[in-house]
Each structure stands twice: as C-alpha cells, then as structure tokens.
Amino acid sequence: DKLLIGTGSETIVPPIQGLDQIPHHYLWTLDDAIGMKKAAEKAKTAVVIGGGFIGMLAAEALRKLKIKLTIVEMAPILLPQLLDEGAGKLFLQAVRDEGVTVKTDSLVAAVAQKNGGIEVTLKGGDAFSVDMAVVATGVRPNVRCLQNSAVAINKGVLVNEYLQTNQPDIYAAGDVAETKDFLSDGRSIYAIWPTAIDQGRAAGANMAGKQAVGRHDTNPA
C-alpha cells in the first residue's frame, strides 16, 4: 500500500576533455574505494578534482599514504557547501600547511596520458603531471526511473517534512529526496549518510502510520 523511493545518487562526471581516455577514480562505492586504494599503492603524486566533502575525504586518505597532492577546486575556498568564507579560508590554509597544493578558483579543462603519467591542464593553460586522478565533482539524485511519472521531481524527489511526495502513499528518503531547507525557504538535497539514516527512519515510521518529521539539516547530531 505504501512505496518508499530510496534510489540514492550517482557521481557527476564533469565535462573534462580526455577524461574518458585516462584511468581515473571516484569515491562513492566500495568498489570505487578498492580501486582507488590499488592505484594509490603505485602512485607518488595525485590530483583530486573537487574540494568538497568527498574530495576532501579522498585527499586525506591519499595524504596519509604520503602521496604528493594537488587539489583543484572551482570555488575560492575548500568545502564551499559546508563552510562560510571565513571558515573556508582557515581550512584552506590548514590544508596548505600540511604540504598539499591547492588551486582554488580553478577548473580542469583537459587531461591526457603523457610519459606514463597524467597531464592535467587547467582552464587558463597551466599544466602539471600526476600519477593518478580522483574525480570528486559532486553527485546527483537517481531520478531517471521517475521521469514522466506522477511523482513530482526537481533535482530530486520533492518531499514535505514527513518525507511524503505529492502522491500521498509514496515517500522518498536519502540522497534522492529534495527537502525544504531548515534555514531558508529554498529546497536542498543533503547527500550525507546521517541525514539518509534519519530520513529513512522517519519515512518508515510514517509509512507505518506514525507521524515523524525527518531531519534534513546540514549538521545532524
């Protein structure tokens, strides 16, 4: 009688020239992590494309393996979706103090195999070489199966505070759910594990006849 949409999200593949021609890694699934670890065992240098939450997790893991890192981020700070300008600048400096090269306000235009490694060319022409590349440019909700359906979608599945869609017996939770932001009148998608857990619990309770509000803030306790 009730349906829960929990199709999660998938990594965004950025429009970088030559990306499909070089070995590169994402950090989203267990297989991704295993593949990245194997590549890291042979690498001395690496680029992390994207300085958001997943990008910084990947960067920290590689840093602990003593790999020389370069992070490329299009925003002026790291973790731009989580930190304000002041905190972002402090965090950026802390990362640089650890010996990591960070190129902010930058975009990767092209990548190519060269001399046994990977040449990374930035928009503007600057280039450098690394042994491995990690792509962490964000994720998007898996809503393809809902195209042209009766369930209302925007970037994700639109839900109310009870994780209920525009169809009373259909709910959505986790990375696929687009909820009202608790700080504004806008809507947001919080693709983080604690939020997914809490939304799943709330949606399940509501499907069973309770009335539970799903927490969808950016800093769940």
N, C-alpha and C. Protein backbone atom coordinates (compact mmCIF):
# COMPACT_ATOMS: atom_id res chain seq x y z
N ASP A 1 0.81 -1.22 0.00
CA ASP A 1 0.00 0.00 0.00
C ASP A 1 0.85 1.27 0.00
N LYS A 2 2.08 1.16 0.48
CA LYS A 2 2.98 2.31 0.55
C LYS A 2 4.26 2.00 -0.23
N LEU A 3 4.88 3.05 -0.74
CA LEU A 3 6.11 2.89 -1.51
C LEU A 3 7.16 3.89 -1.03
N LEU A 4 8.38 3.42 -0.83
CA LEU A 4 9.50 4.30 -0.49
C LEU A 4 10.47 4.33 -1.67
N ILE A 5 10.79 5.53 -2.13
CA ILE A 5 11.81 5.71 -3.16
C ILE A 5 13.13 5.99 -2.46
N GLY A 6 14.07 5.07 -2.61
CA GLY A 6 15.39 5.23 -1.99
C GLY A 6 16.48 4.89 -2.99
N THR A 7 16.40 5.50 -4.16
CA THR A 7 17.31 5.15 -5.26
C THR A 7 18.68 5.83 -5.17
N GLY A 8 18.88 6.67 -4.14
CA GLY A 8 20.20 7.22 -3.90
C GLY A 8 20.67 8.20 -4.95
N SER A 9 21.98 8.27 -5.11
CA SER A 9 22.56 9.23 -6.04
C SER A 9 23.73 8.59 -6.79
N GLU A 10 24.22 9.29 -7.78
CA GLU A 10 25.35 8.82 -8.57
C GLU A 10 26.34 9.96 -8.74
N THR A 11 27.59 9.62 -9.01
CA THR A 11 28.61 10.64 -9.18
C THR A 11 28.39 11.41 -10.48
N ILE A 12 28.72 12.69 -10.43
CA ILE A 12 28.64 13.54 -11.61
C ILE A 12 29.97 13.45 -12.37
N VAL A 13 29.89 13.18 -13.64
CA VAL A 13 31.08 13.13 -14.49
C VAL A 13 31.25 14.50 -15.14
N PRO A 14 32.29 15.24 -14.78
CA PRO A 14 32.46 16.60 -15.30
C PRO A 14 32.86 16.59 -16.77
N PRO A 15 32.57 17.67 -17.49
CA PRO A 15 32.91 17.74 -18.93
C PRO A 15 34.38 18.12 -19.14
N ILE A 16 35.28 17.22 -18.75
CA ILE A 16 36.71 17.46 -18.90
C ILE A 16 37.20 16.73 -20.14
N GLN A 17 37.83 17.44 -21.04
CA GLN A 17 38.33 16.85 -22.28
C GLN A 17 39.34 15.74 -21.96
N GLY A 18 39.13 14.58 -22.54
CA GLY A 18 40.05 13.47 -22.37
C GLY A 18 39.84 12.61 -21.14
N LEU A 19 38.85 12.96 -20.31
CA LEU A 19 38.67 12.21 -19.06
C LEU A 19 38.38 10.74 -19.32
N ASP A 20 37.60 10.47 -20.36
CA ASP A 20 37.25 9.08 -20.66
C ASP A 20 38.42 8.30 -21.27
N GLN A 21 39.54 8.97 -21.51
CA GLN A 21 40.70 8.32 -22.12
C GLN A 21 41.80 8.00 -21.12
N ILE A 22 41.62 8.40 -19.87
CA ILE A 22 42.66 8.15 -18.86
C ILE A 22 42.06 7.35 -17.71
N PRO A 23 42.89 6.61 -16.95
CA PRO A 23 42.39 5.97 -15.74
C PRO A 23 42.09 7.03 -14.68
N HIS A 24 40.92 6.98 -14.10
CA HIS A 24 40.56 7.93 -13.04
C HIS A 24 39.64 7.24 -12.05
N HIS A 25 39.47 7.85 -10.88
CA HIS A 25 38.78 7.18 -9.78
C HIS A 25 37.75 8.12 -9.14
N TYR A 26 36.66 7.50 -8.71
CA TYR A 26 35.65 8.19 -7.91
C TYR A 26 35.69 7.58 -6.51
N LEU A 27 35.05 8.23 -5.56
CA LEU A 27 34.95 7.67 -4.21
C LEU A 27 33.50 7.73 -3.78
N TRP A 28 32.74 6.72 -4.23
CA TRP A 28 31.31 6.71 -3.91
C TRP A 28 30.83 5.32 -3.48
N THR A 29 31.41 4.29 -4.07
CA THR A 29 31.03 2.92 -3.72
C THR A 29 32.22 2.18 -3.12
N LEU A 30 31.97 1.00 -2.58
CA LEU A 30 33.06 0.19 -2.05
C LEU A 30 34.04 -0.18 -3.16
N ASP A 31 33.53 -0.53 -4.32
CA ASP A 31 34.41 -0.85 -5.45
C ASP A 31 35.27 0.34 -5.83
N ASP A 32 34.69 1.55 -5.76
CA ASP A 32 35.47 2.76 -6.03
C ASP A 32 36.64 2.87 -5.06
N ALA A 33 36.36 2.66 -3.79
CA ALA A 33 37.40 2.78 -2.76
C ALA A 33 38.50 1.74 -2.95
N ILE A 34 38.10 0.51 -3.29
CA ILE A 34 39.08 -0.56 -3.52
C ILE A 34 39.97 -0.22 -4.71
N GLY A 35 39.36 0.26 -5.80
CA GLY A 35 40.12 0.62 -6.98
C GLY A 35 41.07 1.79 -6.72
N MET A 36 40.60 2.76 -5.95
CA MET A 36 41.44 3.90 -5.64
C MET A 36 42.62 3.49 -4.77
N LYS A 37 42.38 2.58 -3.84
CA LYS A 37 43.46 2.11 -2.96
C LYS A 37 44.54 1.38 -3.75
N LYS A 38 44.12 0.54 -4.69
CA LYS A 38 45.09 -0.19 -5.52
C LYS A 38 45.94 0.77 -6.35
N ALA A 39 45.30 1.80 -6.91
CA ALA A 39 46.05 2.78 -7.71
C ALA A 39 47.00 3.57 -6.82
N ALA A 40 46.58 3.87 -5.60
CA ALA A 40 47.40 4.66 -4.69
C ALA A 40 48.66 3.93 -4.28
N GLU A 41 48.60 2.60 -4.28
CA GLU A 41 49.77 1.82 -3.89
C GLU A 41 50.93 1.99 -4.87
N LYS A 42 50.63 2.42 -6.08
CA LYS A 42 51.66 2.60 -7.10
C LYS A 42 51.96 4.07 -7.40
N ALA A 43 51.23 4.98 -6.76
CA ALA A 43 51.33 6.40 -7.09
C ALA A 43 52.18 7.17 -6.09
N LYS A 44 52.86 8.18 -6.60
CA LYS A 44 53.61 9.11 -5.75
C LYS A 44 52.97 10.50 -5.77
N THR A 45 52.23 10.79 -6.83
CA THR A 45 51.55 12.08 -6.95
C THR A 45 50.12 11.85 -7.41
N ALA A 46 49.23 12.75 -7.02
CA ALA A 46 47.81 12.61 -7.40
C ALA A 46 47.15 13.97 -7.46
N VAL A 47 46.11 14.06 -8.29
CA VAL A 47 45.25 15.23 -8.31
C VAL A 47 43.86 14.82 -7.84
N VAL A 48 43.26 15.65 -7.02
CA VAL A 48 41.86 15.48 -6.62
C VAL A 48 41.09 16.62 -7.24
N ILE A 49 40.19 16.30 -8.15
CA ILE A 49 39.40 17.31 -8.85
C ILE A 49 38.11 17.51 -8.07
N GLY A 50 38.03 18.61 -7.34
CA GLY A 50 36.88 18.89 -6.49
C GLY A 50 37.27 18.94 -5.04
N GLY A 51 37.00 20.06 -4.38
CA GLY A 51 37.38 20.22 -2.98
C GLY A 51 36.20 20.23 -2.04
N GLY A 52 35.16 19.45 -2.37
CA GLY A 52 34.01 19.32 -1.48
C GLY A 52 34.23 18.21 -0.46
N PHE A 53 33.14 17.74 0.13
CA PHE A 53 33.22 16.76 1.23
C PHE A 53 33.89 15.46 0.77
N ILE A 54 33.43 14.90 -0.34
CA ILE A 54 34.00 13.64 -0.82
C ILE A 54 35.44 13.84 -1.28
N GLY A 55 35.69 14.96 -1.96
CA GLY A 55 37.04 15.26 -2.40
C GLY A 55 38.02 15.35 -1.25
N MET A 56 37.59 15.94 -0.15
CA MET A 56 38.49 16.07 1.00
C MET A 56 38.68 14.74 1.71
N LEU A 57 37.68 13.88 1.70
CA LEU A 57 37.86 12.53 2.25
C LEU A 57 38.91 11.77 1.45
N ALA A 58 38.81 11.86 0.13
CA ALA A 58 39.78 11.20 -0.73
C ALA A 58 41.16 11.79 -0.53
N ALA A 59 41.25 13.11 -0.44
CA ALA A 59 42.53 13.77 -0.27
C ALA A 59 43.20 13.37 1.04
N GLU A 60 42.43 13.30 2.10
CA GLU A 60 43.00 12.93 3.39
C GLU A 60 43.51 11.49 3.37
N ALA A 61 42.78 10.60 2.72
CA ALA A 61 43.22 9.21 2.62
C ALA A 61 44.53 9.11 1.84
N LEU A 62 44.64 9.85 0.76
CA LEU A 62 45.86 9.83 -0.05
C LEU A 62 47.02 10.50 0.68
N ARG A 63 46.72 11.56 1.40
CA ARG A 63 47.78 12.25 2.16
C ARG A 63 48.41 11.34 3.19
N LYS A 64 47.58 10.53 3.83
CA LYS A 64 48.10 9.60 4.84
C LYS A 64 49.00 8.53 4.23
N LEU A 65 48.86 8.33 2.91
CA LEU A 65 49.73 7.38 2.21
C LEU A 65 50.99 8.06 1.67
N LYS A 66 51.21 9.31 2.10
CA LYS A 66 52.41 10.07 1.72
C LYS A 66 52.45 10.40 0.23
N ILE A 67 51.29 10.50 -0.38
CA ILE A 67 51.21 10.87 -1.80
C ILE A 67 51.18 12.39 -1.90
N LYS A 68 51.98 12.94 -2.80
CA LYS A 68 52.01 14.38 -3.01
C LYS A 68 50.75 14.80 -3.75
N LEU A 69 49.99 15.70 -3.14
CA LEU A 69 48.64 16.01 -3.62
C LEU A 69 48.51 17.39 -4.22
N THR A 70 47.67 17.48 -5.25
CA THR A 70 47.18 18.74 -5.76
C THR A 70 45.66 18.67 -5.80
N ILE A 71 45.00 19.64 -5.19
CA ILE A 71 43.54 19.72 -5.19
C ILE A 71 43.13 20.88 -6.07
N VAL A 72 42.20 20.63 -6.99
CA VAL A 72 41.68 21.68 -7.87
C VAL A 72 40.22 21.92 -7.53
N GLU A 73 39.88 23.15 -7.15
CA GLU A 73 38.52 23.49 -6.74
C GLU A 73 38.08 24.78 -7.45
N MET A 74 36.88 24.77 -8.01
CA MET A 74 36.40 25.93 -8.76
C MET A 74 36.01 27.10 -7.86
N ALA A 75 35.68 26.84 -6.59
CA ALA A 75 35.32 27.90 -5.65
C ALA A 75 36.59 28.53 -5.06
N PRO A 76 36.47 29.67 -4.38
CA PRO A 76 37.64 30.30 -3.78
C PRO A 76 38.09 29.64 -2.47
N ILE A 77 37.30 28.72 -1.94
CA ILE A 77 37.64 28.01 -0.70
C ILE A 77 37.38 26.53 -0.88
N LEU A 78 37.85 25.74 0.08
CA LEU A 78 37.51 24.32 0.12
C LEU A 78 36.22 24.13 0.91
N LEU A 79 35.56 23.00 0.70
CA LEU A 79 34.28 22.70 1.35
C LEU A 79 33.29 23.86 1.22
N PRO A 80 33.09 24.39 0.00
CA PRO A 80 32.24 25.57 -0.16
C PRO A 80 30.78 25.36 0.21
N GLN A 81 30.31 24.11 0.20
CA GLN A 81 28.91 23.86 0.56
C GLN A 81 28.72 23.72 2.07
N LEU A 82 29.81 23.60 2.80
CA LEU A 82 29.72 23.39 4.25
C LEU A 82 30.23 24.57 5.07
N LEU A 83 31.19 25.33 4.52
CA LEU A 83 31.83 26.39 5.28
C LEU A 83 31.54 27.76 4.68
N ASP A 84 31.47 28.78 5.56
CA ASP A 84 31.36 30.14 5.05
C ASP A 84 32.75 30.63 4.67
N GLU A 85 32.84 31.85 4.19
CA GLU A 85 34.10 32.37 3.66
C GLU A 85 35.21 32.36 4.71
N GLY A 86 34.90 32.82 5.92
CA GLY A 86 35.93 32.89 6.96
C GLY A 86 36.45 31.52 7.34
N ALA A 87 35.54 30.60 7.61
CA ALA A 87 35.95 29.24 7.99
C ALA A 87 36.63 28.55 6.82
N GLY A 88 36.15 28.82 5.60
CA GLY A 88 36.74 28.20 4.43
C GLY A 88 38.18 28.62 4.22
N LYS A 89 38.48 29.89 4.47
CA LYS A 89 39.85 30.37 4.33
C LYS A 89 40.77 29.74 5.37
N LEU A 90 40.27 29.59 6.59
CA LEU A 90 41.07 28.96 7.65
C LEU A 90 41.36 27.50 7.30
N PHE A 91 40.34 26.81 6.82
CA PHE A 91 40.53 25.40 6.46
C PHE A 91 41.49 25.26 5.28
N LEU A 92 41.34 26.15 4.30
CA LEU A 92 42.22 26.14 3.14
C LEU A 92 43.68 26.29 3.56
N GLN A 93 43.93 27.23 4.46
CA GLN A 93 45.31 27.44 4.91
C GLN A 93 45.82 26.24 5.68
N ALA A 94 44.95 25.61 6.48
CA ALA A 94 45.36 24.43 7.25
C ALA A 94 45.76 23.29 6.31
N VAL A 95 45.02 23.13 5.21
CA VAL A 95 45.35 22.09 4.24
C VAL A 95 46.68 22.39 3.57
N ARG A 96 46.89 23.64 3.20
CA ARG A 96 48.16 24.03 2.58
C ARG A 96 49.32 23.86 3.54
N ASP A 97 49.08 24.12 4.82
CA ASP A 97 50.13 23.95 5.83
C ASP A 97 50.58 22.50 5.95
N GLU A 98 49.73 21.56 5.50
CA GLU A 98 50.09 20.15 5.52
C GLU A 98 50.90 19.75 4.28
N GLY A 99 51.23 20.72 3.44
CA GLY A 99 52.04 20.44 2.27
C GLY A 99 51.25 20.10 1.02
N VAL A 100 49.94 20.29 1.07
CA VAL A 100 49.09 20.00 -0.09
C VAL A 100 49.00 21.24 -0.98
N THR A 101 49.17 21.06 -2.27
CA THR A 101 48.98 22.15 -3.23
C THR A 101 47.50 22.29 -3.54
N VAL A 102 46.95 23.47 -3.32
CA VAL A 102 45.52 23.70 -3.58
C VAL A 102 45.38 24.83 -4.59
N LYS A 103 44.69 24.54 -5.68
CA LYS A 103 44.43 25.54 -6.72
C LYS A 103 42.94 25.87 -6.69
N THR A 104 42.60 26.98 -6.03
CA THR A 104 41.21 27.42 -5.95
C THR A 104 40.89 28.33 -7.14
N ASP A 105 39.61 28.63 -7.31
CA ASP A 105 39.16 29.42 -8.47
C ASP A 105 39.69 28.83 -9.76
N SER A 106 39.74 27.51 -9.83
CA SER A 106 40.34 26.84 -10.97
C SER A 106 39.45 25.72 -11.49
N LEU A 107 39.54 25.47 -12.78
CA LEU A 107 38.81 24.38 -13.42
C LEU A 107 39.79 23.55 -14.24
N VAL A 108 39.59 22.23 -14.24
CA VAL A 108 40.39 21.36 -15.09
C VAL A 108 39.74 21.36 -16.47
N ALA A 109 40.52 21.77 -17.47
CA ALA A 109 40.00 21.82 -18.84
C ALA A 109 40.21 20.52 -19.58
N ALA A 110 41.37 19.87 -19.33
CA ALA A 110 41.69 18.66 -20.09
C ALA A 110 42.67 17.79 -19.31
N VAL A 111 42.63 16.51 -19.58
CA VAL A 111 43.58 15.55 -19.03
C VAL A 111 44.03 14.64 -20.18
N ALA A 112 45.26 14.15 -20.08
CA ALA A 112 45.78 13.28 -21.14
C ALA A 112 46.92 12.44 -20.59
N GLN A 113 47.09 11.26 -21.14
CA GLN A 113 48.21 10.41 -20.77
C GLN A 113 49.48 10.95 -21.42
N LYS A 114 50.55 11.04 -20.63
CA LYS A 114 51.80 11.58 -21.15
C LYS A 114 52.97 11.04 -20.35
N ASN A 115 53.93 10.44 -21.03
CA ASN A 115 55.14 9.91 -20.42
C ASN A 115 54.85 8.97 -19.25
N GLY A 116 53.83 8.14 -19.41
CA GLY A 116 53.50 7.18 -18.37
C GLY A 116 52.67 7.73 -17.23
N GLY A 117 52.37 9.02 -17.27
CA GLY A 117 51.56 9.65 -16.23
C GLY A 117 50.36 10.34 -16.82
N ILE A 118 49.78 11.26 -16.06
CA ILE A 118 48.60 12.01 -16.49
C ILE A 118 48.93 13.50 -16.46
N GLU A 119 48.78 14.15 -17.61
CA GLU A 119 48.97 15.60 -17.66
C GLU A 119 47.63 16.28 -17.44
N VAL A 120 47.58 17.18 -16.47
CA VAL A 120 46.37 17.91 -16.13
C VAL A 120 46.53 19.35 -16.60
N THR A 121 45.62 19.81 -17.45
CA THR A 121 45.67 21.18 -17.95
C THR A 121 44.48 21.96 -17.40
N LEU A 122 44.78 23.08 -16.76
CA LEU A 122 43.74 23.91 -16.18
C LEU A 122 43.22 24.92 -17.20
N LYS A 123 42.00 25.38 -16.98
CA LYS A 123 41.46 26.46 -17.81
C LYS A 123 42.35 27.68 -17.57
N GLY A 124 42.94 28.18 -18.63
CA GLY A 124 43.92 29.26 -18.48
C GLY A 124 45.28 28.83 -18.96
N GLY A 125 45.46 27.49 -19.04
CA GLY A 125 46.69 26.99 -19.65
C GLY A 125 47.70 26.34 -18.74
N ASP A 126 47.66 26.58 -17.44
CA ASP A 126 48.62 25.95 -16.54
C ASP A 126 48.47 24.43 -16.60
N ALA A 127 49.60 23.72 -16.50
CA ALA A 127 49.56 22.25 -16.59
C ALA A 127 50.55 21.65 -15.60
N PHE A 128 50.24 20.44 -15.15
CA PHE A 128 51.13 19.69 -14.26
C PHE A 128 50.85 18.20 -14.47
N SER A 129 51.78 17.37 -14.02
CA SER A 129 51.66 15.92 -14.22
C SER A 129 51.51 15.20 -12.89
N VAL A 130 50.71 14.12 -12.90
CA VAL A 130 50.49 13.30 -11.71
C VAL A 130 50.44 11.83 -12.12
N ASP A 131 50.47 10.97 -11.12
CA ASP A 131 50.39 9.53 -11.37
C ASP A 131 48.95 9.02 -11.39
N MET A 132 48.06 9.66 -10.63
CA MET A 132 46.68 9.21 -10.57
C MET A 132 45.74 10.40 -10.41
N ALA A 133 44.48 10.20 -10.84
CA ALA A 133 43.48 11.27 -10.77
C ALA A 133 42.23 10.77 -10.06
N VAL A 134 41.73 11.59 -9.14
CA VAL A 134 40.49 11.32 -8.43
C VAL A 134 39.49 12.41 -8.79
N VAL A 135 38.30 12.03 -9.18
CA VAL A 135 37.26 12.98 -9.56
C VAL A 135 36.20 13.02 -8.46
N ALA A 136 35.98 14.20 -7.89
CA ALA A 136 35.00 14.37 -6.82
C ALA A 136 34.24 15.67 -7.03
N THR A 137 33.50 15.71 -8.12
CA THR A 137 32.80 16.94 -8.51
C THR A 137 31.31 16.90 -8.18
N GLY A 138 30.95 16.07 -7.22
CA GLY A 138 29.57 16.07 -6.75
C GLY A 138 28.77 14.86 -7.18
N VAL A 139 27.54 14.81 -6.68
CA VAL A 139 26.62 13.72 -7.01
C VAL A 139 25.28 14.30 -7.39
N ARG A 140 24.46 13.46 -8.02
CA ARG A 140 23.10 13.89 -8.36
C ARG A 140 22.14 12.75 -8.06
N PRO A 141 20.90 13.07 -7.69
CA PRO A 141 19.92 12.04 -7.35
C PRO A 141 19.59 11.15 -8.54
N ASN A 142 19.34 9.88 -8.25
CA ASN A 142 18.91 8.93 -9.28
C ASN A 142 17.39 9.03 -9.45
N VAL A 143 16.96 9.86 -10.37
CA VAL A 143 15.52 10.05 -10.58
C VAL A 143 15.08 9.66 -12.00
N ARG A 144 15.99 9.02 -12.75
CA ARG A 144 15.64 8.67 -14.13
C ARG A 144 14.38 7.80 -14.22
N CYS A 145 14.22 6.90 -13.25
CA CYS A 145 13.06 5.99 -13.29
C CYS A 145 11.75 6.72 -13.04
N LEU A 146 11.82 7.97 -12.60
CA LEU A 146 10.61 8.73 -12.28
C LEU A 146 10.24 9.75 -13.34
N GLN A 147 11.06 9.84 -14.40
CA GLN A 147 10.73 10.78 -15.46
C GLN A 147 9.37 10.43 -16.06
N ASN A 148 8.56 11.44 -16.24
CA ASN A 148 7.21 11.30 -16.83
C ASN A 148 6.26 10.49 -15.94
N SER A 149 6.61 10.38 -14.65
CA SER A 149 5.70 9.69 -13.72
C SER A 149 4.84 10.72 -13.00
N ALA A 150 3.97 10.25 -12.12
CA ALA A 150 3.09 11.14 -11.37
C ALA A 150 3.81 11.75 -10.16
N VAL A 151 5.01 11.29 -9.85
CA VAL A 151 5.76 11.81 -8.70
C VAL A 151 6.49 13.08 -9.11
N ALA A 152 6.30 14.14 -8.35
CA ALA A 152 6.91 15.43 -8.67
C ALA A 152 8.41 15.41 -8.36
N ILE A 153 9.21 15.83 -9.34
CA ILE A 153 10.65 15.89 -9.15
C ILE A 153 11.17 17.24 -9.60
N ASN A 154 12.26 17.65 -9.00
CA ASN A 154 13.01 18.81 -9.45
C ASN A 154 14.41 18.29 -9.73
N LYS A 155 15.39 18.64 -8.92
CA LYS A 155 16.68 17.95 -9.00
C LYS A 155 16.55 16.57 -8.37
N GLY A 156 15.79 16.51 -7.28
CA GLY A 156 15.48 15.25 -6.62
C GLY A 156 13.99 15.08 -6.51
N VAL A 157 13.55 14.10 -5.72
CA VAL A 157 12.12 13.88 -5.49
C VAL A 157 11.64 14.89 -4.44
N LEU A 158 10.65 15.67 -4.78
CA LEU A 158 10.15 16.70 -3.87
C LEU A 158 9.33 16.06 -2.76
N VAL A 159 9.73 16.33 -1.51
CA VAL A 159 9.01 15.76 -0.36
C VAL A 159 8.73 16.85 0.67
N ASN A 160 7.73 16.59 1.53
CA ASN A 160 7.46 17.51 2.63
C ASN A 160 8.23 17.09 3.88
N GLU A 161 7.93 17.69 5.00
CA GLU A 161 8.69 17.39 6.22
C GLU A 161 8.50 15.96 6.70
N TYR A 162 7.47 15.28 6.20
CA TYR A 162 7.22 13.89 6.57
C TYR A 162 7.78 12.91 5.53
N LEU A 163 8.59 13.43 4.61
CA LEU A 163 9.20 12.65 3.52
C LEU A 163 8.16 12.12 2.54
N GLN A 164 7.03 12.78 2.48
CA GLN A 164 5.93 12.38 1.61
C GLN A 164 5.99 13.16 0.30
N THR A 165 5.80 12.47 -0.81
CA THR A 165 5.80 13.14 -2.11
C THR A 165 4.42 13.74 -2.37
N ASN A 166 4.21 14.23 -3.58
CA ASN A 166 2.90 14.74 -3.95
C ASN A 166 1.86 13.63 -4.09
N GLN A 167 2.34 12.39 -4.09
CA GLN A 167 1.44 11.23 -4.07
C GLN A 167 1.37 10.71 -2.64
N PRO A 168 0.23 10.77 -1.97
CA PRO A 168 0.13 10.51 -0.53
C PRO A 168 0.73 9.19 -0.06
N ASP A 169 0.72 8.16 -0.87
CA ASP A 169 1.22 6.85 -0.44
C ASP A 169 2.66 6.58 -0.89
N ILE A 170 3.31 7.59 -1.46
CA ILE A 170 4.69 7.42 -1.93
C ILE A 170 5.61 8.38 -1.17
N TYR A 171 6.69 7.85 -0.64
CA TYR A 171 7.65 8.60 0.15
C TYR A 171 9.03 8.49 -0.50
N ALA A 172 9.93 9.37 -0.10
CA ALA A 172 11.31 9.31 -0.57
C ALA A 172 12.24 9.72 0.57
N ALA A 173 13.42 9.12 0.61
CA ALA A 173 14.37 9.43 1.68
C ALA A 173 15.79 9.24 1.17
N GLY A 174 16.72 9.94 1.81
CA GLY A 174 18.13 9.80 1.47
C GLY A 174 18.56 10.75 0.36
N ASP A 175 19.59 10.34 -0.36
CA ASP A 175 20.20 11.20 -1.37
C ASP A 175 19.24 11.62 -2.47
N VAL A 176 18.18 10.86 -2.67
CA VAL A 176 17.25 11.17 -3.76
C VAL A 176 16.20 12.20 -3.36
N ALA A 177 16.07 12.46 -2.06
CA ALA A 177 14.99 13.33 -1.57
C ALA A 177 15.42 14.80 -1.57
N GLU A 178 14.56 15.66 -2.08
CA GLU A 178 14.78 17.10 -2.07
C GLU A 178 13.81 17.71 -1.07
N THR A 179 14.36 18.25 0.02
CA THR A 179 13.54 18.71 1.13
C THR A 179 13.66 20.22 1.31
N LYS A 180 12.77 20.76 2.10
CA LYS A 180 12.84 22.19 2.43
C LYS A 180 14.02 22.43 3.35
N ASP A 181 14.81 23.43 3.03
CA ASP A 181 15.97 23.78 3.85
C ASP A 181 15.50 24.34 5.19
N PHE A 182 16.16 23.88 6.26
CA PHE A 182 15.69 24.32 7.58
C PHE A 182 16.11 25.76 7.91
N LEU A 183 16.97 26.36 7.09
CA LEU A 183 17.40 27.73 7.34
C LEU A 183 16.80 28.73 6.35
N SER A 184 16.15 28.23 5.33
CA SER A 184 15.62 29.14 4.31
C SER A 184 14.32 28.58 3.77
N ASP A 185 13.75 29.29 2.80
CA ASP A 185 12.53 28.82 2.15
C ASP A 185 12.85 27.98 0.93
N GLY A 186 14.13 27.81 0.65
CA GLY A 186 14.52 27.03 -0.51
C GLY A 186 14.50 25.54 -0.25
N ARG A 187 14.91 24.78 -1.25
CA ARG A 187 14.96 23.32 -1.14
C ARG A 187 16.39 22.86 -1.37
N SER A 188 16.76 21.78 -0.69
CA SER A 188 18.12 21.28 -0.78
C SER A 188 18.13 19.76 -0.78
N ILE A 189 19.24 19.21 -1.26
CA ILE A 189 19.49 17.77 -1.20
C ILE A 189 20.72 17.57 -0.35
N TYR A 190 20.62 16.79 0.72
CA TYR A 190 21.74 16.57 1.62
C TYR A 190 22.23 15.13 1.46
N ALA A 191 23.20 14.97 0.58
CA ALA A 191 23.69 13.62 0.27
C ALA A 191 24.75 13.19 1.28
N ILE A 192 24.34 13.08 2.53
CA ILE A 192 25.25 12.61 3.57
C ILE A 192 24.55 11.49 4.35
N TRP A 193 25.39 10.58 4.85
CA TRP A 193 24.89 9.36 5.47
C TRP A 193 23.98 9.60 6.68
N PRO A 194 24.36 10.47 7.65
CA PRO A 194 23.48 10.65 8.82
C PRO A 194 22.09 11.13 8.47
N THR A 195 22.00 12.03 7.49
CA THR A 195 20.69 12.51 7.07
C THR A 195 19.87 11.40 6.43
N ALA A 196 20.51 10.57 5.62
CA ALA A 196 19.81 9.45 4.98
C ALA A 196 19.24 8.49 6.02
N ILE A 197 20.03 8.21 7.06
CA ILE A 197 19.57 7.32 8.12
C ILE A 197 18.33 7.89 8.81
N ASP A 198 18.41 9.16 9.17
CA ASP A 198 17.30 9.78 9.90
C ASP A 198 16.06 9.87 9.03
N GLN A 199 16.24 10.25 7.76
CA GLN A 199 15.08 10.33 6.87
C GLN A 199 14.46 8.96 6.64
N GLY A 200 15.29 7.92 6.53
CA GLY A 200 14.77 6.57 6.36
C GLY A 200 13.92 6.13 7.54
N ARG A 201 14.41 6.43 8.74
CA ARG A 201 13.63 6.09 9.95
C ARG A 201 12.28 6.82 9.97
N ALA A 202 12.33 8.12 9.66
CA ALA A 202 11.10 8.91 9.69
C ALA A 202 10.12 8.45 8.62
N ALA A 203 10.62 8.21 7.41
CA ALA A 203 9.75 7.77 6.32
C ALA A 203 9.12 6.42 6.66
N GLY A 204 9.91 5.49 7.20
CA GLY A 204 9.38 4.18 7.58
C GLY A 204 8.30 4.29 8.64
N ALA A 205 8.53 5.16 9.62
CA ALA A 205 7.52 5.35 10.68
C ALA A 205 6.24 5.91 10.09
N ASN A 206 6.37 6.89 9.20
CA ASN A 206 5.18 7.50 8.61
C ASN A 206 4.43 6.52 7.71
N MET A 207 5.16 5.67 7.01
CA MET A 207 4.52 4.65 6.18
C MET A 207 3.77 3.63 7.02
N ALA A 208 4.20 3.50 8.28
CA ALA A 208 3.55 2.55 9.20
C ALA A 208 2.43 3.20 10.00
N GLY A 209 2.14 4.48 9.71
CA GLY A 209 1.01 5.13 10.37
C GLY A 209 1.37 6.12 11.45
N LYS A 210 2.65 6.32 11.72
CA LYS A 210 3.07 7.32 12.71
C LYS A 210 3.12 8.69 12.05
N GLN A 211 3.62 9.67 12.78
CA GLN A 211 3.83 10.99 12.21
C GLN A 211 5.16 11.53 12.72
N ALA A 212 6.21 11.26 11.97
CA ALA A 212 7.56 11.66 12.36
C ALA A 212 8.13 12.62 11.35
N VAL A 213 8.77 13.66 11.84
CA VAL A 213 9.40 14.64 10.96
C VAL A 213 10.83 14.20 10.67
N GLY A 214 11.19 14.19 9.40
CA GLY A 214 12.54 13.81 9.01
C GLY A 214 13.48 14.99 9.15
N ARG A 215 14.61 14.76 9.84
CA ARG A 215 15.60 15.82 9.98
C ARG A 215 16.38 15.93 8.69
N HIS A 216 16.54 17.14 8.18
CA HIS A 216 17.28 17.32 6.93
C HIS A 216 18.16 18.55 7.02
N ASP A 217 18.89 18.66 8.15
CA ASP A 217 19.80 19.78 8.29
C ASP A 217 21.19 19.36 7.83
N THR A 218 22.10 20.34 7.74
CA THR A 218 23.44 20.08 7.23
C THR A 218 24.37 19.61 8.32
N ASN A 219 23.93 19.61 9.57
CA ASN A 219 24.82 19.21 10.65
C ASN A 219 24.07 18.35 11.65
N PRO A 220 23.62 17.16 11.26
CA PRO A 220 22.86 16.30 12.16
C PRO A 220 23.71 15.84 13.32
N ALA A 221 23.10 15.81 14.49
CA ALA A 221 23.83 15.41 15.69
C ALA A 221 24.10 13.90 15.65
